[in-house]
Amino acid sequence: MSDRKYLGKACVLFGMLVLASCSNDKEKLDGAKQAIAPVKKDQFPFYKNIEIRPGLTFEVVSWGKGVDSVGGYLVLMSDSLKNNYKSLSNEREGIVKDAWNMDMDNDGNPEVYIELLSNKNVSDLHVYEYSGNSFNKITFPGLSSNLKKIYGGNDQFTIDEGDLYRTFPIVNPRDTTEKAGELKKVKYRLSGNSFSSSEVKEGE
């Protein structure tokens, strides 16, 4: 009989210890939650929310430690109407300067343009089209060999009436009709997920 009483007391004591342990763990967990500050958008080197249409947005976020020009970026797609969420991550060599969306080829699939700045004054674009529930990279072309000879950075990308333009000041002009400091302008077109470019002549 005494053995049964002892066993009963032991079970009760074990149960109390388990409850006390769970309570302590919960207090520790609650304390840990309170210690973690919520993530703020301004904690990232770059953050931009791009609304494509009501319910569909792209968020572009960059991160990195140490050297500003080395790190990565993330594109978050949220389609709240369809309860669909996708993401894309990539490494970067350069500072994310800006991001925007277009549909240059008018195929109904939005493109995300991410402008990177490297070597303090050289710009480049990373372009992705979102279609078929995934991100597809579109290679952005470099400058032609002739333009590279007069290129010294300080690019500016602009959008005019749905067209994409790149301008930069001329350095070391090789043509008597060109002067150092004058702006060279390049127009880009997109067709079939492939870019083409052409120089814009003065007066055009």
N, C-alpha and C. Protein backbone atom coordinates (compact mmCIF):
# COMPACT_ATOMS: atom_id res chain seq x y z
N MET A 1 0.83 -1.21 0.00
CA MET A 1 0.00 0.00 0.00
C MET A 1 0.86 1.24 0.00
N SER A 2 1.91 1.19 0.84
CA SER A 2 2.81 2.34 0.93
C SER A 2 3.53 2.57 -0.39
N ASP A 3 3.81 1.44 -1.11
CA ASP A 3 4.48 1.58 -2.40
C ASP A 3 3.60 2.32 -3.38
N ARG A 4 2.27 2.03 -3.34
CA ARG A 4 1.35 2.72 -4.25
C ARG A 4 1.29 4.21 -3.94
N LYS A 5 1.26 4.52 -2.62
CA LYS A 5 1.24 5.94 -2.24
C LYS A 5 2.51 6.64 -2.71
N TYR A 6 3.64 5.96 -2.55
CA TYR A 6 4.92 6.55 -2.97
C TYR A 6 4.95 6.78 -4.48
N LEU A 7 4.43 5.77 -5.21
CA LEU A 7 4.40 5.89 -6.67
C LEU A 7 3.49 7.03 -7.10
N GLY A 8 2.35 7.18 -6.42
CA GLY A 8 1.42 8.26 -6.75
C GLY A 8 2.05 9.62 -6.50
N LYS A 9 2.72 9.76 -5.35
CA LYS A 9 3.38 11.03 -5.04
C LYS A 9 4.47 11.34 -6.06
N ALA A 10 5.20 10.30 -6.46
CA ALA A 10 6.28 10.50 -7.44
C ALA A 10 5.73 10.98 -8.77
N CYS A 11 4.58 10.43 -9.19
CA CYS A 11 3.96 10.84 -10.45
C CYS A 11 3.51 12.29 -10.39
N VAL A 12 2.91 12.65 -9.25
CA VAL A 12 2.46 14.04 -9.08
C VAL A 12 3.64 14.99 -9.12
N LEU A 13 4.73 14.64 -8.43
CA LEU A 13 5.92 15.48 -8.40
C LEU A 13 6.52 15.63 -9.78
N PHE A 14 6.58 14.53 -10.54
CA PHE A 14 7.13 14.57 -11.91
C PHE A 14 6.29 15.50 -12.80
N GLY A 15 4.96 15.39 -12.62
CA GLY A 15 4.07 16.26 -13.40
C GLY A 15 4.29 17.72 -13.09
N MET A 16 4.48 18.04 -11.81
CA MET A 16 4.72 19.43 -11.41
C MET A 16 6.03 19.94 -11.99
N LEU A 17 7.06 19.09 -12.01
CA LEU A 17 8.35 19.49 -12.58
C LEU A 17 8.23 19.77 -14.07
N VAL A 18 7.47 18.93 -14.78
CA VAL A 18 7.28 19.13 -16.23
C VAL A 18 6.57 20.44 -16.50
N LEU A 19 5.51 20.71 -15.71
CA LEU A 19 4.77 21.97 -15.89
C LEU A 19 5.65 23.17 -15.60
N ALA A 20 6.47 23.07 -14.55
CA ALA A 20 7.36 24.17 -14.20
C ALA A 20 8.38 24.40 -15.30
N SER A 21 8.92 23.29 -15.86
CA SER A 21 9.90 23.41 -16.94
C SER A 21 9.29 24.07 -18.15
N CYS A 22 8.05 23.66 -18.51
CA CYS A 22 7.37 24.26 -19.67
C CYS A 22 7.12 25.74 -19.45
N SER A 23 6.76 26.07 -18.20
CA SER A 23 6.50 27.47 -17.89
C SER A 23 7.76 28.30 -18.03
N ASN A 24 8.91 27.76 -17.55
CA ASN A 24 10.18 28.48 -17.66
C ASN A 24 10.59 28.65 -19.11
N ASP A 25 10.39 27.57 -19.91
CA ASP A 25 10.74 27.64 -21.33
C ASP A 25 9.90 28.69 -22.04
N LYS A 26 8.61 28.77 -21.68
CA LYS A 26 7.73 29.76 -22.30
C LYS A 26 8.18 31.17 -21.95
N GLU A 27 8.58 31.37 -20.66
CA GLU A 27 9.05 32.69 -20.24
C GLU A 27 10.31 33.07 -20.99
N LYS A 28 11.22 32.09 -21.18
CA LYS A 28 12.45 32.37 -21.92
C LYS A 28 12.15 32.72 -23.36
N LEU A 29 11.20 31.96 -23.96
CA LEU A 29 10.84 32.20 -25.36
C LEU A 29 10.19 33.56 -25.51
N ASP A 30 9.27 33.90 -24.57
CA ASP A 30 8.63 35.21 -24.62
C ASP A 30 9.65 36.32 -24.47
N GLY A 31 10.64 36.09 -23.58
CA GLY A 31 11.68 37.10 -23.39
C GLY A 31 12.52 37.26 -24.63
N ALA A 32 12.81 36.14 -25.32
CA ALA A 32 13.60 36.20 -26.55
C ALA A 32 12.84 36.94 -27.62
N LYS A 33 11.52 36.72 -27.70
CA LYS A 33 10.71 37.42 -28.70
C LYS A 33 10.74 38.92 -28.45
N GLN A 34 10.68 39.31 -27.17
CA GLN A 34 10.69 40.73 -26.85
C GLN A 34 12.05 41.36 -27.15
N ALA A 35 13.12 40.54 -27.06
CA ALA A 35 14.46 41.07 -27.28
C ALA A 35 14.75 41.31 -28.75
N ILE A 36 14.03 40.62 -29.65
CA ILE A 36 14.26 40.76 -31.09
C ILE A 36 13.45 41.93 -31.62
N ALA A 37 14.13 42.96 -32.09
CA ALA A 37 13.44 44.13 -32.62
C ALA A 37 12.88 43.81 -34.00
N PRO A 38 11.72 44.36 -34.33
CA PRO A 38 11.16 44.12 -35.67
C PRO A 38 12.06 44.68 -36.76
N VAL A 39 12.12 43.97 -37.90
CA VAL A 39 12.95 44.42 -39.01
C VAL A 39 12.33 45.65 -39.65
N LYS A 40 13.13 46.67 -39.86
CA LYS A 40 12.65 47.89 -40.48
C LYS A 40 13.22 48.01 -41.88
N LYS A 41 12.44 48.58 -42.78
CA LYS A 41 12.87 48.70 -44.17
C LYS A 41 14.13 49.55 -44.29
N ASP A 42 14.27 50.58 -43.41
CA ASP A 42 15.43 51.46 -43.53
C ASP A 42 16.71 50.81 -43.00
N GLN A 43 16.62 49.55 -42.55
CA GLN A 43 17.82 48.84 -42.12
C GLN A 43 18.59 48.29 -43.32
N PHE A 44 17.96 48.25 -44.49
CA PHE A 44 18.61 47.75 -45.69
C PHE A 44 19.25 48.91 -46.45
N PRO A 45 20.39 48.64 -47.16
CA PRO A 45 21.00 49.70 -47.98
C PRO A 45 20.04 50.24 -49.04
N PHE A 46 19.16 49.36 -49.55
CA PHE A 46 18.18 49.80 -50.56
C PHE A 46 16.90 49.01 -50.37
N TYR A 47 15.78 49.72 -50.43
CA TYR A 47 14.47 49.07 -50.40
C TYR A 47 13.51 49.88 -51.24
N LYS A 48 12.74 49.19 -52.09
CA LYS A 48 11.73 49.88 -52.89
C LYS A 48 10.56 48.95 -53.14
N ASN A 49 9.37 49.46 -52.93
CA ASN A 49 8.15 48.72 -53.20
C ASN A 49 7.56 49.23 -54.52
N ILE A 50 7.39 48.32 -55.48
CA ILE A 50 6.92 48.69 -56.81
C ILE A 50 5.55 48.05 -57.04
N GLU A 51 4.53 48.87 -57.21
CA GLU A 51 3.20 48.34 -57.46
C GLU A 51 2.98 48.20 -58.96
N ILE A 52 2.74 47.00 -59.41
CA ILE A 52 2.48 46.73 -60.82
C ILE A 52 1.03 47.03 -61.15
N ARG A 53 0.16 46.52 -60.30
CA ARG A 53 -1.28 46.78 -60.38
C ARG A 53 -1.85 46.43 -59.02
N PRO A 54 -3.10 46.79 -58.75
CA PRO A 54 -3.66 46.49 -57.43
C PRO A 54 -3.53 45.02 -57.07
N GLY A 55 -2.89 44.75 -55.95
CA GLY A 55 -2.69 43.38 -55.48
C GLY A 55 -1.39 42.75 -55.90
N LEU A 56 -0.74 43.30 -56.93
CA LEU A 56 0.53 42.73 -57.43
C LEU A 56 1.65 43.74 -57.22
N THR A 57 2.64 43.35 -56.41
CA THR A 57 3.76 44.24 -56.11
C THR A 57 5.08 43.47 -56.18
N PHE A 58 6.15 44.23 -56.47
CA PHE A 58 7.51 43.73 -56.38
C PHE A 58 8.23 44.56 -55.33
N GLU A 59 8.92 43.89 -54.41
CA GLU A 59 9.76 44.56 -53.44
C GLU A 59 11.21 44.21 -53.75
N VAL A 60 12.04 45.23 -53.90
CA VAL A 60 13.46 45.04 -54.20
C VAL A 60 14.26 45.44 -52.96
N VAL A 61 15.07 44.51 -52.47
CA VAL A 61 15.84 44.73 -51.24
C VAL A 61 17.29 44.35 -51.51
N SER A 62 18.22 45.18 -51.06
CA SER A 62 19.64 44.82 -51.16
C SER A 62 20.21 44.67 -49.76
N TRP A 63 21.26 43.86 -49.64
CA TRP A 63 21.91 43.69 -48.36
C TRP A 63 23.39 43.43 -48.59
N GLY A 64 24.16 43.55 -47.53
CA GLY A 64 25.59 43.31 -47.60
C GLY A 64 26.28 43.86 -46.38
N LYS A 65 27.43 43.31 -46.06
CA LYS A 65 28.20 43.78 -44.92
C LYS A 65 29.61 44.13 -45.39
N GLY A 66 30.23 45.06 -44.68
CA GLY A 66 31.58 45.46 -45.06
C GLY A 66 31.55 46.41 -46.23
N VAL A 67 32.11 45.97 -47.36
CA VAL A 67 32.18 46.81 -48.55
C VAL A 67 30.77 46.98 -49.11
N ASP A 68 30.37 48.23 -49.33
CA ASP A 68 29.00 48.51 -49.79
C ASP A 68 28.69 47.87 -51.13
N SER A 69 29.71 47.76 -52.00
CA SER A 69 29.45 47.31 -53.36
C SER A 69 29.41 45.79 -53.50
N VAL A 70 29.57 45.07 -52.40
CA VAL A 70 29.54 43.61 -52.45
C VAL A 70 28.40 43.12 -51.56
N GLY A 71 27.57 42.26 -52.11
CA GLY A 71 26.45 41.74 -51.33
C GLY A 71 25.47 41.02 -52.23
N GLY A 72 24.21 41.24 -52.00
CA GLY A 72 23.19 40.60 -52.81
C GLY A 72 21.93 41.43 -52.84
N TYR A 73 20.98 40.98 -53.63
CA TYR A 73 19.68 41.64 -53.63
C TYR A 73 18.59 40.58 -53.76
N LEU A 74 17.41 40.98 -53.38
CA LEU A 74 16.26 40.09 -53.35
C LEU A 74 15.07 40.79 -53.99
N VAL A 75 14.34 40.05 -54.83
CA VAL A 75 13.10 40.56 -55.41
C VAL A 75 11.95 39.68 -54.90
N LEU A 76 11.00 40.31 -54.23
CA LEU A 76 9.86 39.59 -53.67
C LEU A 76 8.61 39.94 -54.46
N MET A 77 7.96 38.94 -55.01
CA MET A 77 6.71 39.14 -55.75
C MET A 77 5.55 38.73 -54.86
N SER A 78 4.57 39.62 -54.72
CA SER A 78 3.38 39.34 -53.93
C SER A 78 2.14 39.59 -54.78
N ASP A 79 1.38 38.54 -54.99
CA ASP A 79 0.10 38.65 -55.71
C ASP A 79 -0.99 38.24 -54.72
N SER A 80 -1.49 39.22 -53.98
CA SER A 80 -2.44 38.93 -52.91
C SER A 80 -3.78 38.44 -53.44
N LEU A 81 -4.14 38.84 -54.64
CA LEU A 81 -5.42 38.41 -55.20
C LEU A 81 -5.42 36.92 -55.51
N LYS A 82 -4.27 36.40 -55.94
CA LYS A 82 -4.16 34.98 -56.27
C LYS A 82 -3.47 34.18 -55.17
N ASN A 83 -3.15 34.88 -54.06
CA ASN A 83 -2.45 34.24 -52.95
C ASN A 83 -1.18 33.54 -53.43
N ASN A 84 -0.41 34.26 -54.24
CA ASN A 84 0.79 33.70 -54.86
C ASN A 84 1.99 34.56 -54.50
N TYR A 85 3.08 33.92 -54.07
CA TYR A 85 4.26 34.65 -53.62
C TYR A 85 5.51 33.95 -54.15
N LYS A 86 6.39 34.72 -54.77
CA LYS A 86 7.63 34.19 -55.33
C LYS A 86 8.79 35.11 -54.95
N SER A 87 10.00 34.58 -55.04
CA SER A 87 11.18 35.39 -54.73
C SER A 87 12.33 35.05 -55.65
N LEU A 88 13.22 36.01 -55.80
CA LEU A 88 14.44 35.85 -56.60
C LEU A 88 15.58 36.48 -55.83
N SER A 89 16.71 35.79 -55.74
CA SER A 89 17.89 36.35 -55.09
C SER A 89 19.09 36.24 -56.02
N ASN A 90 19.99 37.21 -55.91
CA ASN A 90 21.17 37.21 -56.76
C ASN A 90 22.28 37.98 -56.07
N GLU A 91 23.52 37.61 -56.39
CA GLU A 91 24.66 38.36 -55.87
C GLU A 91 24.82 39.65 -56.67
N ARG A 92 25.48 40.61 -56.07
CA ARG A 92 25.70 41.88 -56.77
C ARG A 92 27.12 42.36 -56.54
N GLU A 93 27.67 43.01 -57.54
CA GLU A 93 28.93 43.74 -57.43
C GLU A 93 28.62 45.16 -57.85
N GLY A 94 28.27 45.96 -56.90
CA GLY A 94 27.84 47.32 -57.14
C GLY A 94 26.74 47.68 -56.17
N ILE A 95 26.47 48.96 -56.06
CA ILE A 95 25.44 49.45 -55.16
C ILE A 95 24.12 49.55 -55.92
N VAL A 96 23.05 49.02 -55.36
CA VAL A 96 21.74 49.16 -55.99
C VAL A 96 21.32 50.62 -55.88
N LYS A 97 21.20 51.25 -57.03
CA LYS A 97 20.89 52.68 -57.08
C LYS A 97 19.40 52.95 -57.24
N ASP A 98 18.73 52.12 -58.04
CA ASP A 98 17.30 52.33 -58.28
C ASP A 98 16.70 51.04 -58.82
N ALA A 99 15.38 50.99 -58.82
CA ALA A 99 14.66 49.85 -59.40
C ALA A 99 13.30 50.34 -59.88
N TRP A 100 12.84 49.77 -60.98
CA TRP A 100 11.55 50.17 -61.53
C TRP A 100 11.00 49.03 -62.39
N ASN A 101 9.77 49.18 -62.84
CA ASN A 101 9.18 48.17 -63.71
C ASN A 101 8.74 48.78 -65.02
N MET A 102 8.73 47.96 -66.06
CA MET A 102 8.26 48.35 -67.38
C MET A 102 7.66 47.12 -68.06
N ASP A 103 7.07 47.34 -69.20
CA ASP A 103 6.67 46.27 -70.11
C ASP A 103 7.02 46.75 -71.51
N MET A 104 8.32 46.77 -71.79
CA MET A 104 8.82 47.38 -73.02
C MET A 104 8.34 46.66 -74.27
N ASP A 105 8.18 45.34 -74.18
CA ASP A 105 7.77 44.60 -75.37
C ASP A 105 6.25 44.41 -75.45
N ASN A 106 5.53 45.02 -74.50
CA ASN A 106 4.06 45.00 -74.52
C ASN A 106 3.47 43.59 -74.65
N ASP A 107 4.08 42.64 -73.92
CA ASP A 107 3.56 41.27 -73.96
C ASP A 107 2.70 40.94 -72.74
N GLY A 108 2.47 41.94 -71.89
CA GLY A 108 1.65 41.74 -70.71
C GLY A 108 2.39 41.19 -69.51
N ASN A 109 3.70 40.90 -69.67
CA ASN A 109 4.51 40.38 -68.58
C ASN A 109 5.43 41.49 -68.07
N PRO A 110 5.33 41.86 -66.80
CA PRO A 110 6.15 42.96 -66.28
C PRO A 110 7.62 42.61 -66.19
N GLU A 111 8.46 43.61 -66.43
CA GLU A 111 9.91 43.46 -66.26
C GLU A 111 10.35 44.31 -65.07
N VAL A 112 11.31 43.79 -64.33
CA VAL A 112 11.90 44.51 -63.21
C VAL A 112 13.31 44.92 -63.60
N TYR A 113 13.60 46.21 -63.49
CA TYR A 113 14.92 46.75 -63.83
C TYR A 113 15.61 47.18 -62.54
N ILE A 114 16.82 46.65 -62.32
CA ILE A 114 17.60 46.98 -61.13
C ILE A 114 18.89 47.65 -61.59
N GLU A 115 19.06 48.91 -61.21
CA GLU A 115 20.24 49.67 -61.62
C GLU A 115 21.33 49.54 -60.56
N LEU A 116 22.51 49.11 -61.01
CA LEU A 116 23.67 48.94 -60.13
C LEU A 116 24.74 49.96 -60.48
N LEU A 117 25.37 50.51 -59.46
CA LEU A 117 26.45 51.48 -59.65
C LEU A 117 27.74 50.88 -59.12
N SER A 118 28.75 50.75 -59.99
CA SER A 118 30.05 50.20 -59.59
C SER A 118 31.16 51.19 -59.95
N ASN A 119 32.29 51.03 -59.29
CA ASN A 119 33.44 51.93 -59.52
C ASN A 119 33.05 53.40 -59.40
N LYS A 120 32.08 53.67 -58.53
CA LYS A 120 31.61 55.02 -58.19
C LYS A 120 30.81 55.71 -59.28
N ASN A 121 31.02 55.36 -60.56
CA ASN A 121 30.32 56.13 -61.60
C ASN A 121 29.89 55.30 -62.82
N VAL A 122 30.01 53.98 -62.75
CA VAL A 122 29.65 53.13 -63.89
C VAL A 122 28.35 52.40 -63.57
N SER A 123 27.34 52.57 -64.42
CA SER A 123 26.03 51.97 -64.17
C SER A 123 25.79 50.76 -65.07
N ASP A 124 24.98 49.86 -64.56
CA ASP A 124 24.58 48.67 -65.31
C ASP A 124 23.17 48.30 -64.88
N LEU A 125 22.50 47.50 -65.70
CA LEU A 125 21.14 47.08 -65.39
C LEU A 125 21.05 45.56 -65.31
N HIS A 126 20.34 45.09 -64.30
CA HIS A 126 19.92 43.70 -64.23
C HIS A 126 18.42 43.69 -64.52
N VAL A 127 18.00 42.89 -65.48
CA VAL A 127 16.61 42.90 -65.93
C VAL A 127 16.02 41.50 -65.80
N TYR A 128 14.81 41.43 -65.25
CA TYR A 128 14.10 40.16 -65.13
C TYR A 128 12.65 40.36 -65.59
N GLU A 129 12.18 39.41 -66.37
CA GLU A 129 10.76 39.40 -66.74
C GLU A 129 10.05 38.36 -65.89
N TYR A 130 8.90 38.76 -65.34
CA TYR A 130 8.11 37.80 -64.57
C TYR A 130 7.01 37.24 -65.46
N SER A 131 7.12 35.96 -65.78
CA SER A 131 6.11 35.31 -66.62
C SER A 131 6.11 33.82 -66.30
N GLY A 132 4.98 33.19 -66.50
CA GLY A 132 4.88 31.76 -66.23
C GLY A 132 5.18 31.41 -64.79
N ASN A 133 4.83 32.33 -63.88
CA ASN A 133 5.01 32.12 -62.44
C ASN A 133 6.48 32.01 -62.03
N SER A 134 7.38 32.63 -62.80
CA SER A 134 8.80 32.61 -62.46
C SER A 134 9.50 33.84 -63.03
N PHE A 135 10.71 34.11 -62.51
CA PHE A 135 11.53 35.22 -62.99
C PHE A 135 12.49 34.71 -64.06
N ASN A 136 12.53 35.39 -65.18
CA ASN A 136 13.43 35.03 -66.27
C ASN A 136 14.39 36.19 -66.55
N LYS A 137 15.68 35.90 -66.47
CA LYS A 137 16.66 36.96 -66.67
C LYS A 137 16.78 37.34 -68.14
N ILE A 138 16.86 38.64 -68.39
CA ILE A 138 17.08 39.17 -69.73
C ILE A 138 18.41 39.91 -69.72
N THR A 139 19.34 39.49 -70.55
CA THR A 139 20.67 40.10 -70.57
C THR A 139 20.60 41.51 -71.14
N PHE A 140 21.13 42.46 -70.35
CA PHE A 140 21.17 43.84 -70.83
C PHE A 140 22.49 44.05 -71.57
N PRO A 141 22.44 44.57 -72.79
CA PRO A 141 23.66 44.66 -73.62
C PRO A 141 24.62 45.74 -73.13
N GLY A 142 25.91 45.46 -73.34
CA GLY A 142 26.91 46.47 -73.06
C GLY A 142 27.01 47.46 -74.20
N LEU A 143 27.86 48.45 -74.05
CA LEU A 143 28.04 49.45 -75.10
C LEU A 143 28.84 48.87 -76.26
N SER A 144 28.62 49.42 -77.43
CA SER A 144 29.38 49.00 -78.61
C SER A 144 30.85 49.40 -78.44
N SER A 145 31.71 48.81 -79.25
CA SER A 145 33.14 49.09 -79.16
C SER A 145 33.44 50.57 -79.41
N ASN A 146 32.71 51.20 -80.32
CA ASN A 146 32.93 52.62 -80.60
C ASN A 146 32.52 53.50 -79.43
N LEU A 147 31.40 53.14 -78.80
CA LEU A 147 30.93 53.94 -77.66
C LEU A 147 31.83 53.76 -76.45
N LYS A 148 32.40 52.57 -76.30
CA LYS A 148 33.30 52.33 -75.16
C LYS A 148 34.51 53.25 -75.21
N LYS A 149 34.92 53.64 -76.42
CA LYS A 149 36.10 54.50 -76.57
C LYS A 149 35.87 55.90 -76.03
N ILE A 150 34.61 56.32 -76.00
CA ILE A 150 34.31 57.69 -75.53
C ILE A 150 33.50 57.66 -74.22
N TYR A 151 33.50 56.50 -73.60
CA TYR A 151 32.70 56.32 -72.38
C TYR A 151 33.57 56.46 -71.14
N GLY A 152 33.07 57.23 -70.17
CA GLY A 152 33.80 57.39 -68.91
C GLY A 152 32.91 57.27 -67.70
N GLY A 153 31.72 56.70 -67.88
CA GLY A 153 30.82 56.54 -66.74
C GLY A 153 29.84 57.70 -66.62
N ASN A 154 29.32 57.86 -65.41
CA ASN A 154 28.32 58.90 -65.10
C ASN A 154 27.07 58.76 -65.96
N ASP A 155 26.63 57.51 -66.11
CA ASP A 155 25.43 57.23 -66.90
C ASP A 155 24.17 57.74 -66.20
N GLN A 156 23.15 57.96 -67.00
CA GLN A 156 21.81 58.23 -66.49
C GLN A 156 20.82 57.43 -67.33
N PHE A 157 20.02 56.61 -66.66
CA PHE A 157 18.94 55.89 -67.35
C PHE A 157 17.64 56.65 -67.17
N THR A 158 16.93 56.86 -68.26
CA THR A 158 15.67 57.58 -68.21
C THR A 158 14.62 56.84 -69.04
N ILE A 159 13.37 57.11 -68.74
CA ILE A 159 12.24 56.54 -69.49
C ILE A 159 11.45 57.68 -70.09
N ASP A 160 11.20 57.60 -71.39
CA ASP A 160 10.44 58.63 -72.08
C ASP A 160 9.44 57.96 -73.01
N GLU A 161 8.16 58.16 -72.71
CA GLU A 161 7.07 57.59 -73.50
C GLU A 161 7.23 56.08 -73.70
N GLY A 162 7.61 55.40 -72.62
CA GLY A 162 7.72 53.95 -72.66
C GLY A 162 9.01 53.41 -73.23
N ASP A 163 9.92 54.31 -73.65
CA ASP A 163 11.22 53.89 -74.18
C ASP A 163 12.31 54.11 -73.13
N LEU A 164 13.34 53.27 -73.18
CA LEU A 164 14.44 53.35 -72.23
C LEU A 164 15.65 53.99 -72.90
N TYR A 165 16.23 54.99 -72.22
CA TYR A 165 17.39 55.70 -72.76
C TYR A 165 18.53 55.69 -71.74
N ARG A 166 19.75 55.73 -72.30
CA ARG A 166 20.95 55.83 -71.48
C ARG A 166 21.79 56.98 -72.01
N THR A 167 22.14 57.90 -71.15
CA THR A 167 22.97 59.04 -71.56
C THR A 167 24.24 59.07 -70.71
N PHE A 168 25.32 59.54 -71.32
CA PHE A 168 26.58 59.71 -70.59
C PHE A 168 27.41 60.78 -71.28
N PRO A 169 28.23 61.50 -70.52
CA PRO A 169 29.07 62.53 -71.12
C PRO A 169 30.24 61.92 -71.88
N ILE A 170 30.56 62.50 -73.01
CA ILE A 170 31.66 62.02 -73.85
C ILE A 170 33.00 62.37 -73.23
N VAL A 171 33.92 61.41 -73.24
CA VAL A 171 35.31 61.66 -72.84
C VAL A 171 36.22 61.23 -73.99
N ASN A 172 37.34 61.90 -74.13
CA ASN A 172 38.30 61.59 -75.20
C ASN A 172 37.63 61.45 -76.57
N PRO A 173 36.96 62.50 -77.04
CA PRO A 173 36.27 62.40 -78.33
C PRO A 173 37.23 62.10 -79.47
N ARG A 174 36.81 61.26 -80.40
CA ARG A 174 37.65 60.86 -81.54
C ARG A 174 37.08 61.40 -82.84
N ASP A 175 35.99 62.09 -82.73
CA ASP A 175 35.34 62.67 -83.91
C ASP A 175 35.35 64.19 -83.74
N THR A 176 35.71 64.89 -84.80
CA THR A 176 35.79 66.36 -84.72
C THR A 176 34.42 66.99 -84.48
N THR A 177 33.36 66.23 -84.74
CA THR A 177 32.01 66.77 -84.52
C THR A 177 31.56 66.61 -83.07
N GLU A 178 32.36 65.89 -82.28
CA GLU A 178 32.00 65.67 -80.88
C GLU A 178 32.95 66.44 -79.97
N LYS A 179 32.41 66.85 -78.83
CA LYS A 179 33.20 67.59 -77.86
C LYS A 179 33.11 66.89 -76.50
N ALA A 180 34.21 66.98 -75.76
CA ALA A 180 34.22 66.39 -74.42
C ALA A 180 33.15 67.05 -73.56
N GLY A 181 32.42 66.23 -72.85
CA GLY A 181 31.36 66.75 -71.99
C GLY A 181 29.98 66.73 -72.61
N GLU A 182 29.93 66.65 -73.94
CA GLU A 182 28.63 66.53 -74.60
C GLU A 182 28.01 65.18 -74.27
N LEU A 183 26.69 65.15 -74.28
CA LEU A 183 25.99 63.92 -73.91
C LEU A 183 25.76 63.02 -75.11
N LYS A 184 26.10 61.76 -74.92
CA LYS A 184 25.78 60.73 -75.91
C LYS A 184 24.54 59.99 -75.41
N LYS A 185 23.62 59.72 -76.33
CA LYS A 185 22.34 59.12 -75.95
C LYS A 185 22.11 57.82 -76.71
N VAL A 186 21.72 56.78 -75.98
CA VAL A 186 21.47 55.47 -76.57
C VAL A 186 20.03 55.05 -76.24
N LYS A 187 19.33 54.55 -77.25
CA LYS A 187 17.95 54.09 -77.06
C LYS A 187 17.91 52.57 -77.10
N TYR A 188 17.12 51.98 -76.21
CA TYR A 188 17.02 50.52 -76.13
C TYR A 188 15.60 50.07 -76.47
N ARG A 189 15.53 48.96 -77.19
CA ARG A 189 14.25 48.32 -77.49
C ARG A 189 14.31 46.88 -77.02
N LEU A 190 13.13 46.34 -76.71
CA LEU A 190 13.05 44.96 -76.25
C LEU A 190 12.03 44.20 -77.09
N SER A 191 12.46 43.07 -77.64
CA SER A 191 11.58 42.24 -78.45
C SER A 191 11.97 40.77 -78.26
N GLY A 192 10.99 39.94 -77.92
CA GLY A 192 11.29 38.52 -77.73
C GLY A 192 12.33 38.28 -76.66
N ASN A 193 12.28 39.08 -75.57
CA ASN A 193 13.23 38.97 -74.46
C ASN A 193 14.68 39.20 -74.89
N SER A 194 14.86 40.02 -75.91
CA SER A 194 16.20 40.37 -76.39
C SER A 194 16.26 41.88 -76.64
N PHE A 195 17.30 42.51 -76.11
CA PHE A 195 17.47 43.95 -76.26
C PHE A 195 18.23 44.27 -77.54
N SER A 196 17.89 45.41 -78.12
CA SER A 196 18.69 46.00 -79.20
C SER A 196 18.89 47.47 -78.84
N SER A 197 19.95 48.06 -79.36
CA SER A 197 20.25 49.45 -79.02
C SER A 197 20.65 50.22 -80.27
N SER A 198 20.47 51.53 -80.20
CA SER A 198 20.86 52.40 -81.31
C SER A 198 21.19 53.78 -80.75
N GLU A 199 22.16 54.43 -81.38
CA GLU A 199 22.52 55.78 -80.98
C GLU A 199 21.45 56.77 -81.43
N VAL A 200 21.17 57.71 -80.57
CA VAL A 200 20.23 58.77 -80.92
C VAL A 200 21.04 59.96 -81.42
N LYS A 201 20.83 60.32 -82.67
CA LYS A 201 21.56 61.43 -83.26
C LYS A 201 20.98 62.76 -82.76
N GLU A 202 21.80 63.77 -82.79
CA GLU A 202 21.37 65.09 -82.34
C GLU A 202 20.19 65.57 -83.17
N GLY A 203 19.17 66.03 -82.48
CA GLY A 203 17.98 66.52 -83.16
C GLY A 203 16.87 65.49 -83.27
N GLU A 204 17.19 64.22 -82.95
CA GLU A 204 16.16 63.18 -83.01
C GLU A 204 15.33 63.16 -81.73
